[in-house]
Amino acid sequence: MVRVKPFAAVRPPKELVREVAARPYDVLNSEEAKAEASEKSLLHITKPEIDFDPIIDEHSQAAYDKAVENFKDWQKRGWLVQDDKPYYYIYAQTMDGRTQYGLVVCAHTDDYAEGKIKKHELTRKEKEDDRMIHVNIQDANIEPVFFSYPDNDAINDIVRKYTAREPEYDFTAEDGFGHHFWVIDAQADIDRITEIFKDIPAFYVADGHHRTAAAARVGAERKASNPDHRGDEEYNWFMAVAFPESHLKIIDYNRVVKDLNGLSPEQFLEKLAEDFTVTEKGTEPYRPGHLHNFSMYLDGKWYSLEAKAGRYDDSDPIGVLDVTVLSDLVLDRILGIKDLRTDKRIDFVGGIRGLGELSRRVDSGEMAVAFALYPVSMKQLVDIADSGNIMPPKTTWFEPKLRSGLAIHKLK
C-alpha cells in the first residue's frame, strides 16, 4: 500500500503559467534550452547554465549557484507563489485528441526503499548524484516524477467532479499539447484521496527513474543526519504526478546505428535473413504492425523484419520484448554492439519524432541503418516491474511529457 499526502505547491499565478511552464530538463540540451527560454521560463532554474554567455558547464558550481539565485528571484518577483495550505492537484494533458488525468501528490521516500514504488529501468549513480545536488541546493523538488497506478473508480469519481469545473490553468504549449490543472480544495476530498491510496498496492515509475532514486536518497540521508528525526518531516516526501494505467500510452523508442560492422548492405541483409523474414517495402515509411515485427531503413529503402519462430522466448518477460529480440539477434550478433548504455555507435530516437527522423539520419550519412520497434504495452511494463525484472535501456517513451513549473514541492 502506498502513502500520499497533499502539499502547498509553489506555482505560477494563472496569468503567468504559460510563460513559466517549461519542458523537462532532460529533453533539451543547453543550446536548445537557451533558444527556447523566455524571461520567466523555469528553464532558468532547471538549466541555469543558459544564463551565461557563453553557456557554461551545467554541473559547475556557478550553474548550481545561479539555479538557487533564480529560484529565489522568481518567488521574490511573484512569478512563483506558494499556496496557503496543502492541496492535491489534478494535472491533465491532451495529445492527438486524447486526454490523460493525473493527480499531483507527494509520495513517501520509504515506499521507494521498500519496493512499493516499482521501477523498470536501471539508474546510473552519476545521474542520481546530479539530481540530488539540485534537490539539496533548492530544498525542493522543482520537477515532478511521472507515476502510474492501477485504475481506481473512487479516485476517478473525485477527478471527474473537479474536472467538470473551470480549470485553474488551461493552455496549449508550442508543441500543440494541451495542459490543464485543477486544485482539489475541499478537505473531505483531500482526506478521501489520502485514504484511498492506502489500498493502492503500488506506484510504477513511468518516467523519472533518476529523479525518483535521487529523491529517495535525499530523504534517507536527511533522516540519517537528523538525530531528532520524527518521520513527519517534509524531506520524507517528494512530488509526483500519478496517472491511472489505462490513461497512459507508450510509444515506440527506436534505434539508429552508425555502421554495419564491416558488412556491405547485401551481406547485412543475408545475415538478417537467418533470423528474420525480410521483406522490402520500398521508399515509403513502413511502421511495425505487431510484436516481433520490425521496421528497418537501409540504403534508401524500408524493410519489414519478421522474427522467425523459435528465435525468442515468449515465456520470458524480458526475452519477449522486441528491444531484447533486436538487441540479441541484430545489434549484438551481427553489429557487435554489446552494451547499449556505453556503445557510441548506437543512438536512440523517441517515436514522437516520427519515422522521418530515422530516414533523415541515415540519408544524411550520419547513420548507416535505422530500426523502428513496436511499442511496449503498459501491461508488459507492470508485469516486469512486479516480477522485479529490469527492462533493457531505452525501452519506453511516454508522451506527452510533463511540463515543469506547474507545481513545485518545498522540503521545508
Protein backbone atom coordinates (compact mmCIF):
# COMPACT_ATOMS: atom_id res chain seq x y z
CA MET A 1 0.00 0.00 0.00
CA VAL A 2 1.37 3.43 -0.91
CA ARG A 3 1.40 6.63 1.08
CA VAL A 4 0.49 10.03 -0.34
CA LYS A 5 -0.09 13.42 1.15
CA PRO A 6 -1.16 16.86 -0.08
CA PHE A 7 1.29 19.75 -0.15
CA ALA A 8 1.31 23.52 -0.51
CA ALA A 9 2.65 23.88 -4.04
CA VAL A 10 4.83 26.72 -5.23
CA ARG A 11 3.35 27.61 -8.61
CA PRO A 12 2.85 30.49 -11.04
CA PRO A 13 -0.11 32.88 -10.99
CA LYS A 14 -2.72 31.95 -13.57
CA GLU A 15 -1.79 34.76 -15.94
CA LEU A 16 1.91 33.72 -15.99
CA VAL A 17 1.66 29.94 -16.21
CA ARG A 18 2.25 29.67 -19.95
CA GLU A 19 5.42 31.78 -19.65
CA VAL A 20 6.79 29.92 -16.62
CA ALA A 21 5.95 26.33 -17.62
CA ALA A 22 8.78 24.58 -19.46
CA ARG A 23 9.74 21.26 -20.93
CA PRO A 24 11.67 18.99 -18.53
CA TYR A 25 15.39 19.47 -18.09
CA ASP A 26 16.35 16.18 -19.75
CA VAL A 27 14.62 16.60 -23.11
CA LEU A 28 16.60 19.70 -24.10
CA ASN A 29 20.30 20.32 -24.43
CA SER A 30 21.69 23.63 -23.19
CA GLU A 31 21.63 25.32 -26.61
CA GLU A 32 18.01 24.30 -27.23
CA ALA A 33 17.02 25.47 -23.74
CA LYS A 34 18.69 28.85 -24.23
CA ALA A 35 16.88 29.36 -27.52
CA GLU A 36 13.54 28.30 -26.03
CA ALA A 37 13.63 30.12 -22.68
CA SER A 38 11.60 33.29 -22.33
CA GLU A 39 12.27 35.74 -19.49
CA LYS A 40 10.08 33.94 -16.93
CA SER A 41 10.70 30.35 -18.10
CA LEU A 42 11.50 27.74 -15.46
CA LEU A 43 14.41 26.71 -17.69
CA HIS A 44 16.41 29.47 -15.98
CA ILE A 45 16.04 27.38 -12.80
CA THR A 46 16.28 23.85 -14.22
CA LYS A 47 19.01 24.65 -16.76
CA PRO A 48 20.72 27.74 -15.28
CA GLU A 49 23.83 27.33 -17.44
CA ILE A 50 21.84 29.10 -20.17
CA ASP A 51 22.09 32.40 -18.28
CA PHE A 52 25.82 32.62 -19.07
CA ASP A 53 27.37 33.78 -22.33
CA PRO A 54 28.89 31.56 -23.47
CA ILE A 55 26.91 28.73 -21.89
CA ILE A 56 28.84 27.15 -19.01
CA ASP A 57 29.08 23.57 -17.75
CA GLU A 58 25.69 22.59 -16.29
CA HIS A 59 27.48 20.75 -13.47
CA SER A 60 29.64 23.71 -12.42
CA GLN A 61 29.27 25.43 -9.07
CA ALA A 62 28.42 28.67 -10.84
CA ALA A 63 25.47 26.97 -12.54
CA TYR A 64 24.24 25.50 -9.26
CA ASP A 65 24.54 28.90 -7.55
CA LYS A 66 22.60 30.52 -10.39
CA ALA A 67 19.81 27.94 -10.03
CA VAL A 68 19.38 28.87 -6.35
CA GLU A 69 19.52 32.58 -7.13
CA ASN A 70 16.90 32.28 -9.87
CA PHE A 71 14.51 30.18 -7.75
CA LYS A 72 14.62 32.81 -5.02
CA ASP A 73 14.25 35.60 -7.55
CA TRP A 74 11.21 34.01 -9.25
CA GLN A 75 9.49 33.88 -5.84
CA LYS A 76 10.52 37.43 -4.94
CA ARG A 77 9.12 38.73 -8.23
CA GLY A 78 5.84 36.86 -7.74
CA TRP A 79 6.40 34.60 -10.75
CA LEU A 80 6.17 31.65 -8.35
CA VAL A 81 3.89 31.82 -5.30
CA GLN A 82 3.27 29.22 -2.59
CA ASP A 83 -0.29 28.11 -1.83
CA ASP A 84 -1.59 28.94 1.62
CA LYS A 85 -2.35 25.32 2.60
CA PRO A 86 -1.76 21.76 1.41
CA TYR A 87 -3.82 20.57 -1.54
CA TYR A 88 -3.90 17.79 -4.06
CA TYR A 89 -3.95 18.89 -7.69
CA ILE A 90 -5.13 17.43 -10.99
CA TYR A 91 -2.83 17.76 -14.00
CA ALA A 92 -4.32 16.68 -17.34
CA GLN A 93 -2.62 16.57 -20.73
CA THR A 94 -4.20 16.40 -24.18
CA MET A 95 -2.40 14.93 -27.20
CA ASP A 96 -3.98 13.91 -30.52
CA GLY A 97 -7.47 14.28 -29.06
CA ARG A 98 -6.73 12.00 -26.08
CA THR A 99 -6.61 13.39 -22.51
CA GLN A 100 -4.93 11.72 -19.53
CA TYR A 101 -5.72 12.85 -15.98
CA GLY A 102 -3.08 12.67 -13.25
CA LEU A 103 -3.05 13.50 -9.55
CA VAL A 104 -0.24 15.70 -8.26
CA VAL A 105 0.74 14.24 -4.88
CA CYS A 106 3.64 13.79 -2.54
CA ALA A 107 4.89 10.20 -2.38
CA HIS A 108 6.92 8.77 0.51
CA THR A 109 10.64 8.07 0.13
CA ASP A 110 10.37 4.92 2.27
CA ASP A 111 7.90 3.43 -0.22
CA TYR A 112 10.66 3.53 -2.82
CA ALA A 113 13.14 1.89 -0.45
CA GLU A 114 10.56 -0.78 0.42
CA GLY A 115 9.75 -1.58 -3.23
CA LYS A 116 6.22 -0.15 -3.21
CA ILE A 117 7.31 2.34 -5.84
CA LYS A 118 8.39 -0.02 -8.59
CA LYS A 119 10.94 0.68 -11.29
CA HIS A 120 11.56 -0.95 -14.66
CA GLU A 121 14.90 0.68 -15.54
CA LEU A 122 18.35 0.76 -14.03
CA THR A 123 19.72 4.11 -12.91
CA ARG A 124 23.24 5.47 -13.13
CA LYS A 125 24.82 6.80 -9.94
CA GLU A 126 26.30 9.88 -11.58
CA LYS A 127 22.86 10.96 -12.82
CA GLU A 128 21.32 10.29 -9.41
CA ASP A 129 24.10 12.36 -7.82
CA ASP A 130 23.38 15.27 -10.18
CA ARG A 131 19.65 15.23 -9.35
CA MET A 132 20.46 15.01 -5.63
CA ILE A 133 22.52 18.18 -5.88
CA HIS A 134 19.58 20.03 -7.40
CA VAL A 135 17.16 18.83 -4.71
CA ASN A 136 19.56 19.67 -1.91
CA ILE A 137 20.60 23.12 -3.09
CA GLN A 138 17.00 24.19 -3.71
CA ASP A 139 15.45 22.35 -0.74
CA ALA A 140 12.73 21.47 -3.23
CA ASN A 141 11.53 19.07 -5.89
CA ILE A 142 11.46 21.51 -8.78
CA GLU A 143 10.24 18.95 -11.33
CA PRO A 144 7.80 16.09 -10.73
CA VAL A 145 8.32 12.42 -11.43
CA PHE A 146 5.79 10.52 -13.54
CA PHE A 147 3.99 7.53 -11.95
CA SER A 148 1.19 5.19 -12.91
CA TYR A 149 -1.10 3.25 -10.60
CA PRO A 150 -3.87 0.65 -11.02
CA ASP A 151 -7.16 2.25 -12.03
CA ASN A 152 -9.46 3.09 -9.13
CA ASP A 153 -13.11 4.10 -9.56
CA ALA A 154 -13.26 6.14 -6.35
CA ILE A 155 -10.33 8.30 -7.41
CA ASN A 156 -11.79 8.65 -10.90
CA ASP A 157 -15.05 9.93 -9.38
CA ILE A 158 -13.24 12.67 -7.46
CA VAL A 159 -11.24 13.64 -10.52
CA ARG A 160 -14.42 13.89 -12.63
CA LYS A 161 -16.02 16.11 -10.00
CA TYR A 162 -13.24 18.69 -10.23
CA THR A 163 -12.55 18.50 -13.96
CA ALA A 164 -16.19 19.42 -14.59
CA ARG A 165 -15.22 22.86 -13.29
CA GLU A 166 -13.26 25.65 -14.92
CA PRO A 167 -9.54 24.76 -14.71
CA GLU A 168 -7.04 26.85 -12.78
CA TYR A 169 -4.64 26.58 -15.72
CA ASP A 170 -5.55 25.81 -19.31
CA PHE A 171 -3.10 26.38 -22.14
CA THR A 172 -1.69 24.81 -25.27
CA ALA A 173 2.09 24.67 -25.50
CA GLU A 174 4.09 25.38 -28.62
CA ASP A 175 4.15 21.66 -29.49
CA GLY A 176 0.35 21.60 -29.69
CA PHE A 177 -0.19 19.60 -26.50
CA GLY A 178 -2.82 20.86 -24.06
CA HIS A 179 -2.15 21.28 -20.33
CA HIS A 180 -4.95 21.65 -17.79
CA PHE A 181 -4.74 21.99 -13.99
CA TRP A 182 -7.24 22.00 -11.12
CA VAL A 183 -6.89 22.47 -7.35
CA ILE A 184 -8.63 19.90 -5.12
CA ASP A 185 -9.56 22.25 -2.30
CA ALA A 186 -12.30 20.52 -0.26
CA GLN A 187 -10.80 18.96 2.85
CA ALA A 188 -13.17 16.00 2.68
CA ASP A 189 -11.93 15.14 -0.82
CA ILE A 190 -8.30 15.62 0.24
CA ASP A 191 -8.77 13.24 3.17
CA ARG A 192 -10.60 10.74 0.99
CA ILE A 193 -7.77 10.63 -1.57
CA THR A 194 -5.24 10.00 1.18
CA GLU A 195 -7.32 7.10 2.47
CA ILE A 196 -7.97 5.57 -0.96
CA PHE A 197 -4.26 5.35 -1.74
CA LYS A 198 -3.72 3.25 1.37
CA ASP A 199 -5.41 0.48 -0.64
CA ILE A 200 -3.45 1.09 -3.85
CA PRO A 201 -0.80 -1.68 -3.92
CA ALA A 202 1.97 0.14 -5.77
CA PHE A 203 3.16 3.04 -7.87
CA TYR A 204 5.06 2.34 -11.09
CA VAL A 205 7.74 4.75 -12.29
CA ALA A 206 6.84 5.64 -15.86
CA ASP A 207 9.35 8.45 -16.37
CA GLY A 208 11.86 9.98 -13.99
CA HIS A 209 13.76 7.00 -12.58
CA HIS A 210 16.79 9.12 -11.67
CA ARG A 211 14.70 11.84 -10.03
CA THR A 212 12.81 9.21 -8.03
CA ALA A 213 16.01 7.50 -6.87
CA ALA A 214 17.60 10.86 -6.04
CA ALA A 215 14.59 11.99 -4.00
CA ALA A 216 14.66 8.73 -2.03
CA ARG A 217 18.38 9.14 -1.35
CA VAL A 218 17.90 12.74 -0.19
CA GLY A 219 15.22 11.59 2.24
CA ALA A 220 17.38 8.75 3.56
CA GLU A 221 20.44 10.98 4.02
CA ARG A 222 18.50 13.71 5.81
CA LYS A 223 16.86 11.12 8.05
CA ALA A 224 20.26 9.64 8.93
CA SER A 225 21.78 13.05 9.71
CA ASN A 226 18.89 14.28 11.85
CA PRO A 227 19.16 12.99 15.45
CA ASP A 228 15.68 14.38 16.13
CA HIS A 229 14.06 12.70 13.13
CA ARG A 230 10.34 12.15 13.79
CA GLY A 231 9.13 10.84 10.43
CA ASP A 232 6.78 13.68 9.56
CA GLU A 233 9.42 15.98 8.08
CA GLU A 234 8.80 17.27 4.58
CA TYR A 235 12.05 15.71 3.32
CA ASN A 236 10.39 12.30 3.67
CA TRP A 237 8.18 13.18 0.71
CA PHE A 238 8.69 14.04 -2.95
CA MET A 239 6.45 15.29 -5.74
CA ALA A 240 4.90 13.02 -8.35
CA VAL A 241 2.11 13.13 -10.93
CA ALA A 242 0.33 9.78 -10.85
CA PHE A 243 -1.90 8.59 -13.72
CA PRO A 244 -4.22 5.58 -13.91
CA GLU A 245 -2.62 2.84 -16.02
CA SER A 246 -5.44 2.90 -18.56
CA HIS A 247 -4.77 6.56 -19.36
CA LEU A 248 -1.19 6.07 -20.47
CA LYS A 249 0.16 5.14 -23.85
CA ILE A 250 3.75 4.10 -24.52
CA ILE A 251 5.09 4.99 -27.94
CA ASP A 252 7.98 3.45 -29.84
CA TYR A 253 11.62 4.07 -28.88
CA ASN A 254 13.77 3.46 -31.93
CA ARG A 255 17.43 2.84 -32.75
CA VAL A 256 19.93 4.19 -35.28
CA VAL A 257 23.41 2.69 -35.80
CA LYS A 258 26.48 4.39 -37.29
CA ASP A 259 27.88 1.46 -39.32
CA LEU A 260 27.23 -2.11 -40.44
CA ASN A 261 30.21 -3.61 -38.58
CA GLY A 262 32.25 -4.01 -41.78
CA LEU A 263 29.42 -5.59 -43.78
CA SER A 264 28.02 -4.39 -47.09
CA PRO A 265 24.23 -3.78 -47.20
CA GLU A 266 23.84 -7.03 -49.17
CA GLN A 267 25.85 -9.04 -46.62
CA PHE A 268 23.89 -7.45 -43.77
CA LEU A 269 20.57 -8.44 -45.36
CA GLU A 270 21.84 -12.02 -45.83
CA LYS A 271 22.70 -12.28 -42.14
CA LEU A 272 19.33 -10.81 -41.13
CA ALA A 273 17.56 -13.47 -43.20
CA GLU A 274 18.91 -16.17 -40.86
CA ASP A 275 16.62 -15.00 -38.06
CA PHE A 276 14.02 -12.83 -39.82
CA THR A 277 11.73 -12.94 -42.79
CA VAL A 278 12.97 -9.86 -44.65
CA THR A 279 10.55 -8.07 -46.98
CA GLU A 280 11.46 -4.96 -48.96
CA LYS A 281 8.78 -2.24 -48.62
CA GLY A 282 10.14 0.44 -50.94
CA THR A 283 10.76 4.11 -50.25
CA GLU A 284 7.60 4.89 -48.27
CA PRO A 285 7.99 4.64 -44.46
CA TYR A 286 6.94 1.29 -43.01
CA ARG A 287 5.73 1.04 -39.40
CA PRO A 288 5.80 -2.26 -37.44
CA GLY A 289 2.32 -3.75 -37.16
CA HIS A 290 2.67 -6.11 -34.20
CA LEU A 291 5.03 -7.66 -31.66
CA HIS A 292 8.19 -9.19 -33.19
CA ASN A 293 7.74 -7.20 -36.39
CA PHE A 294 10.40 -4.56 -37.01
CA SER A 295 10.86 -1.76 -39.47
CA MET A 296 14.31 -1.11 -40.93
CA TYR A 297 15.64 1.71 -43.12
CA LEU A 298 18.76 0.83 -45.06
CA ASP A 299 20.35 2.24 -48.19
CA GLY A 300 17.32 4.35 -49.12
CA LYS A 301 14.73 1.58 -48.64
CA TRP A 302 12.35 0.43 -45.91
CA TYR A 303 12.11 -3.23 -44.91
CA SER A 304 9.84 -5.38 -42.75
CA LEU A 305 11.70 -7.78 -40.45
CA GLU A 306 9.54 -10.56 -39.03
CA ALA A 307 11.33 -12.55 -36.34
CA LYS A 308 11.14 -16.28 -37.09
CA ALA A 309 9.53 -18.66 -34.59
CA GLY A 310 11.94 -20.08 -32.07
CA ARG A 311 14.23 -17.03 -32.12
CA TYR A 312 12.70 -15.54 -28.94
CA ASP A 313 11.12 -16.75 -25.69
CA ASP A 314 7.54 -15.61 -25.15
CA SER A 315 7.55 -17.14 -21.66
CA ASP A 316 10.33 -14.80 -20.53
CA PRO A 317 9.01 -11.29 -19.61
CA ILE A 318 12.31 -9.77 -20.77
CA GLY A 319 13.02 -12.13 -23.65
CA VAL A 320 9.64 -11.42 -25.25
CA LEU A 321 10.36 -7.70 -25.53
CA ASP A 322 11.22 -6.52 -29.01
CA VAL A 323 14.11 -4.45 -27.64
CA THR A 324 15.59 -7.75 -26.41
CA VAL A 325 14.93 -9.56 -29.69
CA LEU A 326 16.55 -6.77 -31.70
CA SER A 327 19.49 -6.49 -29.30
CA ASP A 328 20.20 -10.22 -29.27
CA LEU A 329 19.67 -11.07 -32.95
CA VAL A 330 20.86 -7.88 -34.66
CA LEU A 331 22.68 -5.35 -32.52
CA ASP A 332 24.82 -7.89 -30.68
CA ARG A 333 25.07 -10.90 -33.03
CA ILE A 334 25.52 -9.02 -36.31
CA LEU A 335 26.58 -5.47 -35.47
CA GLY A 336 28.74 -6.22 -32.42
CA ILE A 337 27.01 -3.76 -30.07
CA LYS A 338 27.28 -5.39 -26.63
CA ASP A 339 26.32 -2.57 -24.24
CA LEU A 340 23.53 -0.20 -25.23
CA ARG A 341 24.44 2.16 -22.38
CA THR A 342 28.02 2.80 -23.40
CA ASP A 343 28.50 1.97 -27.09
CA LYS A 344 28.90 5.20 -29.07
CA ARG A 345 27.88 3.54 -32.36
CA ILE A 346 24.20 3.49 -31.40
CA ASP A 347 21.72 6.27 -30.68
CA PHE A 348 18.07 6.30 -29.67
CA VAL A 349 15.17 8.23 -31.18
CA GLY A 350 11.84 8.75 -29.43
CA GLY A 351 8.86 7.82 -31.56
CA ILE A 352 7.42 11.31 -31.16
CA ARG A 353 9.96 12.41 -33.80
CA GLY A 354 8.39 10.10 -36.39
CA LEU A 355 9.83 7.64 -38.85
CA GLY A 356 11.04 10.52 -40.98
CA GLU A 357 13.70 11.29 -38.39
CA LEU A 358 15.10 7.77 -38.84
CA SER A 359 15.40 8.05 -42.61
CA ARG A 360 16.78 11.58 -42.31
CA ARG A 361 19.65 10.48 -40.08
CA VAL A 362 20.53 7.61 -42.40
CA ASP A 363 20.21 9.64 -45.60
CA SER A 364 22.45 12.35 -44.12
CA GLY A 365 25.27 9.83 -43.79
CA GLU A 366 25.39 10.22 -40.01
CA MET A 367 23.95 6.72 -39.55
CA ALA A 368 24.02 3.56 -41.65
CA VAL A 369 20.81 1.83 -40.58
CA ALA A 370 17.70 2.57 -38.51
CA PHE A 371 15.22 0.30 -36.74
CA ALA A 372 11.67 1.12 -35.59
CA LEU A 373 10.08 -1.09 -32.93
CA TYR A 374 6.53 -1.96 -31.96
CA PRO A 375 5.75 -0.14 -28.68
CA VAL A 376 5.86 -1.85 -25.30
CA SER A 377 2.46 -2.12 -23.58
CA MET A 378 1.61 -0.88 -20.10
CA LYS A 379 0.82 -4.50 -19.17
CA GLN A 380 4.35 -5.55 -20.13
CA LEU A 381 5.81 -2.70 -18.06
CA VAL A 382 3.73 -3.60 -15.00
CA ASP A 383 4.44 -7.33 -15.32
CA ILE A 384 8.18 -6.70 -15.50
CA ALA A 385 8.15 -4.28 -12.56
CA ASP A 386 6.04 -6.69 -10.49
CA SER A 387 8.43 -9.54 -11.20
CA GLY A 388 11.40 -7.46 -10.08
CA ASN A 389 12.97 -7.53 -13.53
CA ILE A 390 14.55 -4.60 -15.34
CA MET A 391 13.88 -3.63 -18.95
CA PRO A 392 16.79 -3.09 -21.33
CA PRO A 393 17.90 0.54 -21.77
CA LYS A 394 15.73 2.91 -23.80
CA THR A 395 12.65 0.69 -23.93
CA THR A 396 9.77 3.05 -23.11
CA TRP A 397 8.91 6.54 -24.33
CA PHE A 398 5.95 8.29 -22.76
CA GLU A 399 4.35 11.26 -24.46
CA PRO A 400 3.31 13.93 -23.74
CA LYS A 401 6.00 14.84 -21.23
CA LEU A 402 5.03 16.58 -18.02
CA ARG A 403 5.57 20.33 -18.12
CA SER A 404 7.74 21.61 -15.30
CA GLY A 405 6.72 24.63 -13.28
CA LEU A 406 3.02 23.93 -12.72
CA ALA A 407 3.82 22.82 -9.17
CA ILE A 408 6.96 22.73 -7.01
CA HIS A 409 7.33 20.96 -3.66
CA LYS A 410 9.46 22.57 -0.95
CA LEU A 411 11.25 20.28 1.51
CA LYS A 412 10.98 22.80 4.34
